Amino acid sequence: MINKNYLNKEVLGAIKEEFDKKGMIRLNNFLDQREYKKIEKIIKKLKFKQIKIPDTFSYSNPQSNININKLVDLGEIKNFVQAITDNNYNIS
């Protein structure tokens, strides 16, 4: 799921160092390209309904239920986040 370049121990160490310094990081091409295309294809097939609250906000909501756990490996992402932050997050 995660681009294999970001899972290299040296690269992971550099990412952690940057995160510790700046408190944030930007990771281009974070997802493996095949996984990204698969997720993109599923999302593009969804039909969305526009929700508007005048003078407050608007957003689009998928009309069919989608289970994020079926799209992404949250365990792998959780392990990655824990490795760079030294924190144990509950991601589900």
Protein backbone atom coordinates (compact mmCIF):
# COMPACT_ATOMS: atom_id res chain seq x y z
CA MET A 1 0.00 0.00 0.00
CA ILE A 2 2.68 2.53 1.05
CA ASN A 3 5.30 3.38 -1.56
CA LYS A 4 8.18 0.97 -0.82
CA ASN A 5 10.68 3.86 -0.96
CA TYR A 6 9.16 5.24 2.24
CA LEU A 7 9.53 1.90 4.04
CA ASN A 8 13.32 1.78 3.66
CA LYS A 9 14.88 2.07 7.16
CA GLU A 10 17.27 4.88 6.16
CA VAL A 11 14.51 6.86 4.47
CA LEU A 12 12.17 6.22 7.41
CA GLY A 13 14.87 7.55 9.75
CA ALA A 14 15.25 10.70 7.64
CA ILE A 15 11.47 11.19 7.60
CA LYS A 16 11.34 10.81 11.39
CA GLU A 17 14.18 13.31 11.81
CA GLU A 18 12.39 15.84 9.58
CA PHE A 19 9.11 15.28 11.43
CA ASP A 20 10.84 15.76 14.80
CA LYS A 21 12.37 19.04 13.57
CA LYS A 22 9.37 20.59 11.84
CA GLY A 23 6.37 18.80 13.37
CA MET A 24 5.04 18.00 9.90
CA ILE A 25 6.12 16.32 6.69
CA ARG A 26 4.95 16.17 3.11
CA LEU A 27 5.31 12.84 1.37
CA ASN A 28 4.77 12.92 -2.37
CA ASN A 29 3.59 9.66 -3.96
CA PHE A 30 2.97 8.20 -0.50
CA LEU A 31 0.81 5.37 -1.82
CA ASP A 32 2.08 2.71 -4.18
CA GLN A 33 0.98 3.75 -7.69
CA ARG A 34 -1.06 0.55 -8.30
CA GLU A 35 -2.87 0.91 -4.98
CA TYR A 36 -3.52 4.59 -5.69
CA LYS A 37 -5.04 3.78 -9.08
CA LYS A 38 -7.22 1.06 -7.54
CA ILE A 39 -8.55 3.46 -4.88
CA GLU A 40 -9.02 6.22 -7.44
CA LYS A 41 -11.07 3.89 -9.68
CA ILE A 42 -13.37 2.91 -6.78
CA ILE A 43 -13.88 6.52 -5.71
CA LYS A 44 -14.59 7.70 -9.26
CA LYS A 45 -17.39 5.13 -9.56
CA LEU A 46 -19.17 6.55 -6.50
CA LYS A 47 -22.10 8.87 -6.91
CA PHE A 48 -22.01 11.89 -4.61
CA LYS A 49 -24.78 14.06 -3.26
CA GLN A 50 -24.05 17.74 -2.66
CA ILE A 51 -24.90 18.88 0.87
CA LYS A 52 -25.23 22.64 1.39
CA ILE A 53 -25.90 24.71 4.47
CA PRO A 54 -26.09 28.34 3.25
CA ASP A 55 -23.47 30.68 4.71
CA THR A 56 -21.96 27.79 6.68
CA PHE A 57 -20.48 25.00 4.55
CA SER A 58 -21.00 22.58 1.71
CA TYR A 59 -19.59 19.15 0.97
CA SER A 60 -20.26 16.04 -1.06
CA ASN A 61 -21.30 12.79 0.53
CA PRO A 62 -21.17 9.40 -1.23
CA GLN A 63 -24.65 8.02 -1.77
CA SER A 64 -23.48 4.47 -1.16
CA ASN A 65 -21.65 3.33 1.93
CA ILE A 66 -17.94 2.78 1.43
CA ASN A 67 -15.77 0.99 3.94
CA ILE A 68 -12.37 2.70 4.13
CA ASN A 69 -10.88 -0.48 5.61
CA LYS A 70 -11.54 -2.23 2.30
CA LEU A 71 -9.71 0.50 0.39
CA VAL A 72 -6.58 0.97 2.47
CA ASP A 73 -4.43 -1.09 4.80
CA LEU A 74 -4.83 0.95 7.97
CA GLY A 75 -2.45 -1.37 9.83
CA GLU A 76 0.41 -0.49 7.49
CA ILE A 77 -0.37 3.22 7.74
CA LYS A 78 -0.62 2.97 11.54
CA ASN A 79 2.78 1.28 11.73
CA PHE A 80 4.28 3.97 9.51
CA VAL A 81 2.84 6.80 11.62
CA GLN A 82 4.02 5.13 14.82
CA ALA A 83 7.52 4.71 13.40
CA ILE A 84 7.92 8.41 12.67
CA THR A 85 6.10 9.81 15.71
CA ASP A 86 6.92 7.30 18.47
CA ASN A 87 3.23 7.40 19.41
CA ASN A 88 0.67 4.62 19.50
CA TYR A 89 -2.41 5.90 17.69
CA ASN A 90 -5.73 4.14 17.50
CA ILE A 91 -6.52 4.23 13.80
CA SER A 92 -9.66 2.42 12.68
